[in-house]
Structures are given as structure tokens and as C-alpha cells.
Protein backbone atom coordinates (compact mmCIF):
# COMPACT_ATOMS: atom_id res chain seq x y z
CA MET A 1 16.26 31.43 -52.76
CA GLN A 2 15.12 31.89 -49.26
CA THR A 3 16.82 32.63 -45.98
CA LEU A 4 15.74 32.69 -42.65
CA ARG A 5 18.05 33.79 -39.78
CA LEU A 6 18.07 33.76 -36.06
CA GLY A 7 20.18 35.16 -33.12
CA LEU A 8 20.90 35.46 -29.54
CA ASP A 9 22.34 38.44 -27.42
CA TYR A 10 23.08 37.34 -23.80
CA LYS A 11 25.10 38.10 -20.80
CA LEU A 12 25.94 36.00 -17.89
CA GLY A 13 25.63 37.92 -14.43
CA GLU A 14 23.39 39.02 -12.04
CA THR A 15 21.17 40.89 -14.85
CA GLY A 16 21.67 38.74 -17.62
CA VAL A 17 20.59 35.36 -17.99
CA ASP A 18 20.82 32.60 -15.24
CA PRO A 19 24.43 30.44 -15.86
CA ASP A 20 22.51 27.47 -13.95
CA ILE A 21 20.29 27.26 -17.02
CA PHE A 22 23.21 25.39 -18.55
CA THR A 23 23.36 22.53 -15.98
CA LYS A 24 19.65 22.80 -14.89
CA GLY A 25 17.96 23.51 -18.15
CA PHE A 26 14.62 25.55 -18.01
CA SER A 27 11.98 25.42 -15.54
CA ALA A 28 8.85 24.16 -15.99
CA LEU A 29 5.86 26.50 -17.20
CA GLU A 30 3.74 26.37 -14.06
CA LEU A 31 1.17 28.93 -14.14
CA ASP A 32 -2.36 28.70 -12.13
CA ARG A 33 -4.60 26.81 -14.96
CA PHE A 34 -1.86 26.04 -17.00
CA ALA A 35 1.66 23.64 -17.23
CA LEU A 36 3.92 22.61 -19.88
CA HIS A 37 6.64 20.14 -19.55
CA GLY A 38 9.05 17.91 -22.22
CA GLN A 39 11.46 15.46 -22.43
CA THR A 40 13.79 13.92 -25.18
CA THR A 41 15.44 10.58 -25.64
CA LEU A 42 18.27 9.56 -27.87
CA ILE A 43 18.97 5.78 -28.22
CA GLU A 44 21.74 4.01 -30.31
CA GLN A 45 22.02 0.36 -29.85
CA TYR A 46 24.47 -2.24 -31.79
CA ASP A 47 24.10 -6.39 -32.38
CA PRO A 48 27.47 -7.51 -33.13
CA PRO A 49 27.85 -10.32 -35.67
CA PHE A 50 26.51 -13.61 -34.33
CA HIS A 51 25.70 -17.23 -35.73
CA SER A 52 22.69 -16.84 -38.56
CA PRO A 53 22.20 -19.97 -40.39
CA TYR A 54 19.51 -18.69 -42.27
CA LEU A 55 17.11 -15.16 -42.65
CA GLY A 56 13.69 -14.65 -43.16
CA PRO A 57 11.35 -11.73 -43.49
CA HIS A 58 11.07 -10.78 -39.82
CA SER A 59 14.96 -11.69 -38.69
CA LEU A 60 17.57 -10.24 -37.05
CA ASP A 61 19.88 -9.19 -38.66
CA PRO A 62 23.65 -9.58 -37.53
CA ASN A 63 26.35 -6.54 -37.25
CA GLN A 64 24.10 -3.63 -37.41
CA GLY A 65 23.80 -0.35 -35.76
CA ARG A 66 20.21 1.85 -34.99
CA GLU A 67 19.35 4.96 -33.51
CA SER A 68 15.99 6.61 -33.00
CA TRP A 69 15.45 9.94 -31.06
CA ASP A 70 12.22 11.54 -29.84
CA ILE A 71 11.02 14.72 -27.85
CA MET A 72 7.72 15.06 -26.76
CA TYR A 73 6.30 18.21 -24.78
CA PHE A 74 3.13 17.83 -22.08
CA VAL A 75 0.85 20.61 -22.44
CA GLY A 76 -1.96 20.89 -19.62
CA ALA A 77 -4.67 22.85 -18.68
CA LYS A 78 -6.90 22.71 -15.29
CA LEU A 79 -10.58 22.70 -16.65
CA TRP A 80 -12.60 22.69 -13.91
CA GLN A 81 -12.36 21.21 -9.90
CA ASP A 82 -9.73 18.60 -10.12
CA ALA A 83 -9.76 17.95 -14.03
CA GLU A 84 -7.08 18.46 -16.10
CA LEU A 85 -6.41 18.23 -19.84
CA TRP A 86 -3.47 17.23 -21.42
CA VAL A 87 -1.93 17.21 -24.48
CA ASP A 88 1.45 15.31 -25.52
CA PRO A 89 2.63 16.11 -28.92
CA GLU A 90 5.95 14.27 -30.04
CA ILE A 91 8.23 14.29 -32.72
CA ASP A 92 10.19 10.88 -33.80
CA GLN A 93 12.96 9.75 -35.47
CA GLY A 94 14.82 6.34 -36.14
CA PHE A 95 14.61 3.00 -36.16
CA GLY A 96 15.12 -0.23 -33.97
CA LEU A 97 17.28 -3.05 -34.89
CA SER A 98 16.03 -4.47 -38.35
CA ASN A 99 13.08 -2.21 -38.30
CA THR A 100 12.12 -3.48 -34.88
CA GLU A 101 11.85 -7.01 -35.68
CA GLY A 102 13.75 -10.46 -34.82
CA ILE A 103 12.89 -10.70 -31.07
CA ALA A 104 9.85 -10.79 -29.25
CA GLY A 105 11.12 -9.20 -26.48
CA PHE A 106 13.02 -6.64 -28.43
CA PRO A 107 15.81 -4.65 -27.05
CA SER A 108 14.06 -0.79 -27.39
CA GLY A 109 10.87 0.01 -25.61
CA ALA A 110 11.15 3.48 -27.17
CA SER A 111 11.88 1.97 -31.26
CA PHE A 112 8.24 1.98 -32.44
CA LYS A 113 7.35 -0.29 -34.92
CA VAL A 114 7.04 3.15 -37.63
CA GLY A 115 10.28 3.94 -38.54
CA ALA A 116 11.57 6.87 -40.35
CA ALA A 117 14.88 8.42 -41.52
CA VAL A 118 13.20 12.04 -40.93
CA PRO A 119 11.74 13.38 -38.00
CA TYR A 120 7.60 13.33 -37.94
CA ALA A 121 5.12 14.56 -35.33
CA ARG A 122 2.26 12.80 -34.04
CA VAL A 123 -0.07 13.83 -30.91
CA GLN A 124 0.00 10.61 -29.11
CA ARG A 125 -1.94 11.55 -25.90
CA ALA A 126 -5.20 13.82 -25.82
CA PHE A 127 -7.01 13.07 -22.62
CA ILE A 128 -8.81 14.89 -19.90
CA ARG A 129 -8.40 12.92 -16.38
CA GLN A 130 -11.03 14.09 -13.57
CA THR A 131 -10.27 12.72 -9.82
CA ILE A 132 -13.29 12.97 -7.28
CA ASP A 133 -12.05 12.98 -3.36
CA PHE A 134 -13.76 10.64 -0.77
CA GLY A 135 -11.82 11.85 2.35
CA GLY A 136 -8.72 9.84 4.06
CA ASP A 137 -5.37 11.38 4.36
CA SER A 138 -3.86 13.92 2.25
CA GLN A 139 -1.13 13.14 0.08
CA LYS A 140 0.89 15.77 -1.99
CA VAL A 141 1.45 15.52 -5.56
CA PRO A 142 4.34 17.08 -7.25
CA ALA A 143 4.49 18.39 -10.38
CA ASP A 144 5.60 16.22 -13.82
CA GLN A 145 4.54 14.91 -16.69
CA ASN A 146 1.18 15.31 -17.35
CA GLN A 147 0.54 15.92 -13.67
CA PHE A 148 -0.11 19.17 -11.84
CA GLU A 149 1.15 20.09 -8.73
CA GLY A 150 -1.61 19.47 -5.90
CA SER A 151 -3.06 16.87 -3.83
CA ASN A 152 -4.99 13.74 -3.17
CA THR A 153 -7.33 12.17 -0.45
CA ALA A 154 -6.03 8.56 -0.17
CA ASP A 155 -9.41 7.15 -1.16
CA ARG A 156 -10.71 8.67 -4.61
CA LEU A 157 -11.99 8.06 -7.90
CA VAL A 158 -9.97 8.53 -11.12
CA VAL A 159 -11.55 8.52 -14.87
CA THR A 160 -9.79 9.49 -17.69
CA VAL A 161 -11.20 9.60 -21.11
CA GLY A 162 -9.16 10.15 -24.24
CA LYS A 163 -6.13 9.00 -26.06
CA TYR A 164 -3.37 7.62 -24.66
CA SER A 165 -1.60 4.36 -23.63
CA VAL A 166 -3.09 1.31 -21.63
CA SER A 167 0.49 1.25 -19.77
CA ASP A 168 -0.06 4.48 -18.48
CA VAL A 169 -2.55 2.97 -16.13
CA PHE A 170 -2.21 -0.49 -16.20
CA ASP A 171 0.68 -2.55 -15.11
CA GLN A 172 2.72 0.13 -13.62
CA ASN A 173 5.65 -1.00 -11.66
CA LYS A 174 8.45 2.20 -10.65
CA TYR A 175 11.72 0.01 -10.96
CA ALA A 176 10.87 -1.11 -14.28
CA GLN A 177 8.31 1.00 -16.99
CA ASN A 178 9.81 3.73 -18.82
CA PRO A 179 12.33 2.85 -21.47
CA ARG A 180 13.59 5.96 -21.40
CA LYS A 181 14.66 5.96 -17.92
CA ASP A 182 15.19 2.51 -16.66
CA PHE A 183 14.97 -0.85 -18.42
CA MET A 184 14.67 -0.74 -22.47
CA ASN A 185 13.23 -4.26 -23.50
CA TRP A 186 10.06 -4.74 -24.14
CA ALA A 187 9.39 -7.89 -22.04
CA LEU A 188 10.69 -5.80 -18.77
CA ILE A 189 9.04 -2.77 -19.17
CA ASP A 190 5.90 -4.59 -19.27
CA ALA A 191 4.32 -8.07 -18.58
CA GLY A 192 5.47 -9.67 -22.26
CA SER A 193 2.30 -11.44 -22.38
CA PHE A 194 0.05 -7.89 -22.03
CA ASP A 195 -1.44 -7.44 -25.09
CA TYR A 196 -2.50 -4.47 -24.78
CA ALA A 197 -4.85 -2.30 -26.97
CA ALA A 198 -2.53 0.04 -28.49
CA ASP A 199 -1.69 1.64 -32.35
CA ALA A 200 1.95 0.96 -33.74
CA TRP A 201 3.40 3.83 -31.68
CA GLY A 202 1.56 2.00 -28.02
CA TYR A 203 -1.36 4.49 -27.86
CA SER A 204 -5.02 4.05 -28.46
CA TYR A 205 -8.73 5.60 -27.47
CA GLY A 206 -10.20 4.78 -24.57
CA ALA A 207 -11.76 5.19 -20.91
CA SER A 208 -10.28 3.94 -17.55
CA ALA A 209 -11.53 4.37 -13.93
CA GLU A 210 -9.54 3.92 -11.14
CA TRP A 211 -10.98 3.41 -7.68
CA TYR A 212 -8.42 4.02 -4.26
CA GLN A 213 -9.78 3.07 -1.35
CA GLY A 214 -7.19 2.90 1.11
CA SER A 215 -4.36 0.20 0.42
CA TRP A 216 -6.56 -1.49 -2.55
CA THR A 217 -7.20 -0.30 -5.85
CA VAL A 218 -9.20 -1.47 -8.32
CA ARG A 219 -8.75 -0.52 -12.14
CA GLY A 220 -11.24 -1.34 -15.29
CA GLY A 221 -10.90 -0.12 -18.51
CA LEU A 222 -12.54 -0.16 -22.53
CA PHE A 223 -10.09 0.98 -25.29
CA ASP A 224 -10.20 0.79 -29.20
CA LEU A 225 -8.07 -1.55 -31.21
CA SER A 226 -6.13 -1.02 -34.46
CA THR A 227 -8.12 -2.34 -37.76
CA VAL A 228 -5.76 -5.12 -38.43
CA PRO A 229 -3.56 -6.45 -35.80
CA ASN A 230 -0.17 -4.61 -35.51
CA GLY A 231 -1.75 -2.13 -37.40
CA GLU A 232 -0.91 2.02 -37.89
CA ASP A 233 -4.58 3.01 -37.94
CA LEU A 234 -7.05 2.64 -34.51
CA ASP A 235 -10.54 1.08 -35.76
CA PRO A 236 -12.50 4.10 -36.05
CA HIS A 237 -15.95 2.53 -35.54
CA PHE A 238 -15.50 0.82 -32.45
CA GLY A 239 -15.60 -2.54 -33.81
CA GLN A 240 -12.73 -3.73 -31.94
CA PHE A 241 -12.09 -3.38 -28.62
CA GLN A 242 -10.47 -4.44 -25.36
CA TRP A 243 -11.96 -4.76 -21.34
CA LEU A 244 -9.17 -4.56 -18.95
CA GLY A 245 -8.88 -5.32 -15.43
CA GLU A 246 -6.87 -5.05 -12.74
CA ILE A 247 -6.68 -5.27 -8.90
CA GLU A 248 -3.74 -3.72 -6.77
CA ARG A 249 -2.76 -3.98 -3.22
CA ARG A 250 -0.21 -1.77 -1.40
CA TYR A 251 1.42 -2.89 1.80
CA GLU A 252 4.84 -2.31 4.04
CA LEU A 253 7.33 -5.12 4.28
CA TRP A 254 9.66 -4.29 7.51
CA SER A 255 8.81 -0.66 6.79
CA HIS A 256 9.46 -0.87 3.16
CA PRO A 257 6.52 -0.07 0.76
CA GLY A 258 5.71 -2.55 -1.71
CA LYS A 259 2.56 -3.70 -3.93
CA ILE A 260 1.25 -6.39 -6.18
CA ALA A 261 -1.39 -6.27 -8.87
CA ILE A 262 -3.27 -8.87 -11.27
CA THR A 263 -4.13 -7.54 -14.57
CA GLY A 264 -6.43 -9.28 -17.02
CA PHE A 265 -7.64 -8.29 -20.96
CA LEU A 266 -10.12 -9.42 -23.18
CA THR A 267 -9.81 -8.59 -26.47
CA ARG A 268 -12.46 -8.61 -29.12
CA ALA A 269 -11.21 -8.51 -32.65
CA ARG A 270 -10.70 -10.08 -36.00
CA LEU A 271 -8.09 -12.67 -35.16
CA GLY A 272 -6.77 -15.69 -36.63
CA THR A 273 -6.04 -19.10 -34.75
CA TYR A 274 -2.38 -20.58 -35.78
CA GLN A 275 -4.26 -24.21 -36.23
CA ASP A 276 -6.35 -22.58 -39.33
CA ALA A 277 -3.30 -20.78 -40.64
CA ILE A 278 -1.29 -23.98 -40.91
CA THR A 279 -4.19 -26.01 -42.48
CA LEU A 280 -4.93 -23.89 -45.40
CA ALA A 281 -1.33 -23.74 -45.88
CA GLN A 282 -1.36 -27.71 -46.36
CA VAL A 283 -4.25 -27.36 -48.95
CA THR A 284 -2.91 -24.23 -50.76
CA GLY A 285 0.60 -25.12 -50.58
CA GLY A 286 3.34 -22.28 -49.32
CA ALA A 287 3.81 -20.39 -46.26
CA ALA A 288 1.25 -20.13 -43.42
CA ASP A 289 -0.67 -17.08 -43.46
CA ILE A 290 -2.29 -16.00 -40.38
CA SER A 291 -4.41 -12.70 -42.40
CA ALA A 292 -6.24 -15.11 -44.22
CA VAL A 293 -8.47 -17.20 -41.73
CA ARG A 294 -9.09 -13.89 -39.47
CA GLN A 295 -12.44 -14.25 -37.72
CA TYR A 296 -14.09 -12.54 -34.89
CA ARG A 297 -13.33 -14.00 -31.60
CA SER A 298 -12.06 -13.47 -28.16
CA ARG A 299 -7.93 -13.21 -27.14
CA THR A 300 -7.37 -13.35 -23.13
CA GLY A 301 -4.76 -12.88 -20.61
CA LEU A 302 -3.58 -12.73 -16.97
CA SER A 303 -0.89 -11.08 -15.42
CA GLY A 304 1.11 -10.30 -12.19
CA ASN A 305 2.95 -7.23 -11.14
CA LEU A 306 5.03 -7.26 -7.67
CA GLU A 307 7.59 -4.30 -6.72
CA GLN A 308 9.02 -4.61 -3.33
CA GLU A 309 11.39 -1.71 -1.39
CA ILE A 310 14.56 -3.46 0.29
CA THR A 311 15.99 -0.56 1.58
CA THR A 312 16.31 2.79 0.63
CA ASP A 313 18.60 1.94 -2.36
CA LEU A 314 17.64 -1.06 -3.37
CA GLY A 315 14.25 -2.38 -5.01
CA VAL A 316 13.00 -5.51 -6.55
CA PHE A 317 10.74 -6.43 -8.93
CA ALA A 318 8.87 -9.47 -10.89
CA ARG A 319 6.15 -10.35 -13.50
CA ALA A 320 4.54 -12.99 -14.96
CA GLY A 321 1.64 -13.70 -17.22
CA PHE A 322 0.19 -15.93 -20.16
CA ALA A 323 -2.27 -15.46 -22.96
CA SER A 324 -4.08 -17.48 -25.52
CA GLY A 325 -1.49 -19.65 -26.88
CA ASP A 326 -3.70 -20.69 -30.15
CA ILE A 327 -4.38 -17.10 -31.36
CA GLU A 328 -2.20 -14.28 -32.82
CA PRO A 329 -1.76 -11.46 -30.34
CA ASP A 330 -3.07 -8.26 -31.66
CA SER A 331 -1.08 -5.77 -30.81
CA TYR A 332 1.93 -5.95 -28.00
CA THR A 333 4.14 -8.70 -29.27
CA ASP A 334 4.30 -12.35 -29.90
CA ILE A 335 4.69 -13.64 -26.65
CA ASP A 336 2.29 -16.62 -25.05
CA ARG A 337 3.69 -16.90 -21.56
CA THR A 338 6.52 -15.00 -19.35
CA ALA A 339 8.17 -14.56 -16.26
CA ALA A 340 10.75 -11.72 -15.04
CA ALA A 341 12.73 -10.33 -12.29
CA GLY A 342 14.71 -7.84 -11.55
CA LEU A 343 16.39 -5.28 -9.13
CA SER A 344 17.47 -1.50 -9.09
CA LEU A 345 20.07 0.02 -7.19
CA LYS A 346 20.93 3.30 -6.27
CA GLY A 347 24.55 4.35 -6.20
CA THR A 348 25.08 5.56 -2.91
CA PRO A 349 27.24 2.28 -1.55
CA TRP A 350 29.89 3.86 -3.51
CA GLY A 351 29.17 7.39 -3.22
CA ARG A 352 27.41 8.41 -6.50
CA PRO A 353 23.41 8.59 -4.76
CA ASP A 354 22.21 9.87 -8.22
CA ASP A 355 23.82 7.13 -9.99
CA THR A 356 21.45 3.80 -10.87
CA PHE A 357 22.79 0.14 -11.80
CA ALA A 358 20.00 -2.37 -12.40
CA LEU A 359 19.83 -6.02 -13.42
CA ALA A 360 16.77 -8.55 -14.74
CA GLY A 361 16.33 -11.44 -16.58
CA VAL A 362 13.21 -12.44 -18.59
CA VAL A 363 12.42 -15.99 -20.22
CA ASN A 364 9.64 -16.06 -23.06
CA GLY A 365 7.68 -18.86 -24.38
CA ILE A 366 5.01 -19.52 -27.08
CA SER A 367 2.95 -22.14 -27.69
CA LYS A 368 3.02 -25.37 -29.21
CA ILE A 369 0.72 -24.33 -32.04
CA HIS A 370 2.45 -21.33 -31.98
CA GLN A 371 5.84 -22.76 -32.81
CA GLN A 372 4.09 -24.90 -35.71
CA PHE A 373 3.02 -22.04 -36.99
CA LEU A 374 6.87 -20.24 -37.40
CA ASN A 375 7.60 -23.38 -38.98
CA ALA A 376 5.28 -23.31 -41.45
CA GLY A 377 6.95 -20.10 -42.38
CA GLY A 378 4.21 -17.96 -40.77
CA LEU A 379 4.94 -14.37 -39.61
CA GLY A 380 4.19 -12.69 -36.27
CA ILE A 381 4.16 -9.45 -35.14
CA LEU A 382 8.04 -9.36 -34.79
CA VAL A 383 9.19 -12.77 -35.39
CA GLY A 384 9.37 -15.57 -38.36
CA ASP A 385 12.86 -16.52 -39.53
CA GLY A 386 10.69 -18.93 -42.46
CA GLN A 387 11.07 -22.04 -40.29
CA LEU A 388 11.39 -23.03 -36.80
CA PRO A 389 12.86 -26.41 -36.41
CA HIS A 390 14.33 -26.22 -33.17
CA PRO A 391 12.50 -23.98 -31.01
CA GLY A 392 13.21 -23.08 -27.42
CA PRO A 393 12.45 -20.59 -24.94
CA GLU A 394 13.52 -16.75 -25.45
CA GLU A 395 16.24 -16.09 -22.69
CA ILE A 396 17.09 -12.77 -22.10
CA ILE A 397 19.24 -10.52 -19.94
CA GLU A 398 19.43 -7.03 -18.99
CA THR A 399 21.49 -4.94 -17.31
CA TYR A 400 22.27 -1.02 -17.13
CA TYR A 401 24.33 1.18 -15.27
CA LEU A 402 22.88 5.34 -15.48
CA LEU A 403 24.78 8.36 -14.24
CA PRO A 404 23.93 12.11 -14.28
CA VAL A 405 25.64 14.46 -17.15
CA TYR A 406 24.74 17.86 -16.08
CA LYS A 407 21.08 18.07 -17.30
CA TRP A 408 21.22 14.88 -19.09
CA ASN A 409 20.72 11.09 -17.60
CA ALA A 410 23.34 8.89 -19.73
CA THR A 411 23.05 5.51 -19.80
CA LEU A 412 25.15 2.32 -20.66
CA ASP A 413 22.80 -0.59 -21.25
CA TYR A 414 24.16 -4.26 -22.41
CA GLN A 415 21.43 -6.98 -23.60
CA PHE A 416 22.03 -10.91 -23.77
CA ILE A 417 19.40 -13.22 -25.78
CA VAL A 418 19.42 -16.84 -26.02
CA ASN A 419 17.41 -18.17 -28.65
CA PRO A 420 16.18 -15.06 -30.22
CA ALA A 421 12.19 -15.87 -31.76
CA TYR A 422 12.26 -19.01 -30.28
CA ASN A 423 15.20 -20.21 -32.64
CA ARG A 424 17.80 -22.41 -31.11
CA ASP A 425 19.73 -22.28 -34.86
CA ARG A 426 20.10 -18.08 -34.28
CA GLY A 427 22.09 -16.67 -31.68
CA PRO A 428 23.27 -16.01 -28.94
CA VAL A 429 22.70 -12.13 -29.61
CA SER A 430 24.51 -9.38 -27.50
CA VAL A 431 22.96 -5.80 -28.09
CA ILE A 432 24.99 -2.80 -26.55
CA GLY A 433 23.43 0.58 -26.38
CA ALA A 434 23.71 3.90 -25.11
CA ARG A 435 20.90 6.38 -23.80
CA LEU A 436 20.94 10.25 -23.23
CA GLU A 437 17.74 11.52 -22.20
CA THR A 438 16.87 14.86 -20.25
CA ASP A 439 14.04 16.40 -19.19
CA PHE A 440 13.15 19.92 -19.59
CA CYS A 441 10.93 22.15 -18.26
CA LYS A 442 10.87 20.04 -15.24
């Protein structure tokens, strides 16, 4: 009934298409006042059969494979002196294992809580960033995603307003931050207890300010929350919100850079307590339902973040944190306390300087009343086996090897999870993953 045909005629050589385009990709569109960058990532994960005596609504299913794919553009424009506008449209497709449920430290940070068999598009970021320089040493800033090429002074104020991710500004760590380029587990790319404001895709409307002064940075932010915990829609009236604060200290240890940061949050939202849900279930019968006991209340959390370069090829990192263990989390995952550490090593010692080998471990825990809630049939954001007679800490090891293949970065990833969803009756679980990622218009 209809047809659409497109064609391309090209010639390799000096007067034709540059043959490097097939190995280096397209060059970034960098004009005087505009920029365009992009990235795409494909992830495949599989969990082989494991011990699973029973299944609940939020259990991880044994012996399944899932893929996810996304492509994001980063479109920027310079507005006025040191002010930038960035809009990031994204196309997503695919699912996480068990529809992104079954493990509190979920194994794919690139798998959103909303899966789809066919691609769909969203504008994930749309924000304005204003930088005010106060002096000090000048630092060159390379062109990158959501970043124009230029320079900043060491002392400056950076204000960002619009829609973006809290983790774009807070809890940053160069060795464990981006599930499309380094570790993939949720409890490694951020502190697992860092219940930052977000919709089901990890973004929110808000504003943040960063004050850089010498080797110190102080950050603060205010962000909108979803209408219901773990929801797709943000509160249109901003009646539910989150305050964030962070202090960061940069230093050098034997001429190698490092930093340590402390991050805290205060959430004001309609949240339920585990004790209220258990008490109601004892009166009415049936499973504990946290949604039936939600009231407007506060939830708090605090986490620490360390990164340290050991050599030019080797770096280590660590995170630890805790949050209110008697109140349900709002946006991220079911973790009340966490500790993680790991290393990242470039392949220079074995003659492959562009390769990366990394290894990390994390231990996640929940409070006693949180355990009782899950044992009473309660469901969290990601976990809920219907019962929890033998609780234990969720222990995870992740390792990956990344190597460039032409323009792409290919990664083999393996994760080993003991006591998934804090349940000693289940697992252990192995998750085998493969990832292909490339930055185009770089």
C-alpha cells in the first residue's frame, strides 16, 4: 500500500567519503553556539538455573535471558555568557531480568523499571546550566556529552535548573558511575542506600548549585518526587520533594589524585512504615500492604564516596551508606545500608592500554522490621518473594573486561549474587552479561 526507499551512493578515497568513518564514527557537530553528541548501548544478560524453592510477585526467575537497548542524543546550545541549554532525547527498548525485579542490587543499571518490547522515545533531560567564574587557575574542559569545549576557573559557582538526574551532580565516582561504560550493578554505580529523587527512568525536575573553592566543593539541590513511590509520573504540584546536600574534598596522595565526598538527603513524601503495614495485615489478614498506610512523612539517608588513583593505570573506590530502615524507600531500591569497594585497572601491563579490567564487591542489608515486612508478604520496589523466613545480607561480586572493537566498546560482565532479595532460601545466582556501547558524534 505504501513504500519508502532511501539510498546512498558513495566513493572511498580523497574525493569521496573518508574511510575512517567506519572505524572512528562521525565527528561531533561542534559549531560556535551548538553541539550534537550521541551514544547507544546494547546489553544482554542471562541468569542460569539456580535454587528457587518458591516464587513471589517480585522474585527473580531462574534460567532467563533479557536484552535492553537505548540510544540518546545530547543536543546543546549556548544561550549567553557561560550559560548552556541541553536537551537529551532517548529511545529505549527491552527489559531487565524479571522486569527489573528480584534483586535489590539489580545487575543492570541501564535497564529501567519500565520495559517495552518495541522502542519508545522520551526526553530524559532538558536543563540550563549557568557557570559563574570567581578566579583561580584556569582548567580546560573538553567537549563531551552535555558539555561544551571551553575552560573554567578553579573557583566557580555552577547552577543547574530543569530536568536531569540527581546522580548527574551528586555521588559522582569516575570508577563506578556509568552502567554503559563501567560497572552495571545498581549498588555499585551509586550507593545502594542513596534513595535519590527520580521517576521510573531515573530523572526528575529540580535545581542544584555547586560551589567550587580550591580543593573543596559544596553542593545542594531540591528535586521533585514521583506521585507514588517508584512511580512513572512526577508530582505536578511539587508537594513531594527531596533536599540534597554534599561536601567534597579533593586531594593528592603521593602525586595521585583522589577525593572523598559525603552526601545526605531528606525526603518529604507520602510514605508508609513497615510496622504500620504489618499491624494492618494482622488485623485484616492477608499480605502486608505498604500502600495502605502511607502518610506524609520524612525519610533521611547519608552516604560516603571515595575514589583514589594508585597509579596512572590503577584506581580504587569505595562507597558506604545508610537510610531510614523503618520507612519504605521512595525512588531507588530496597536497601537500608550498604558497603561497596572495588578497583579498575587499565590494560597497559599486558600491552593493551585501551582495555579495562575491574572487580568490585558490595554487601546490602535491611533493618529487622524491613525483614519482618517482607516475611509478611510485603512487596518493595524491586524485591518480595512472598515470604522471608531466613533473611541474610545480599552479597554481590561483579567483574568485567572492556575492550575496544573498532568504534565500539565491548564488555564481558559477570555477577555473583548470594542471598538475592535478602533470602537465604534462594540462589546463589550468577548473571552473565555482554555489552556493546559506542559514542557517535563524539
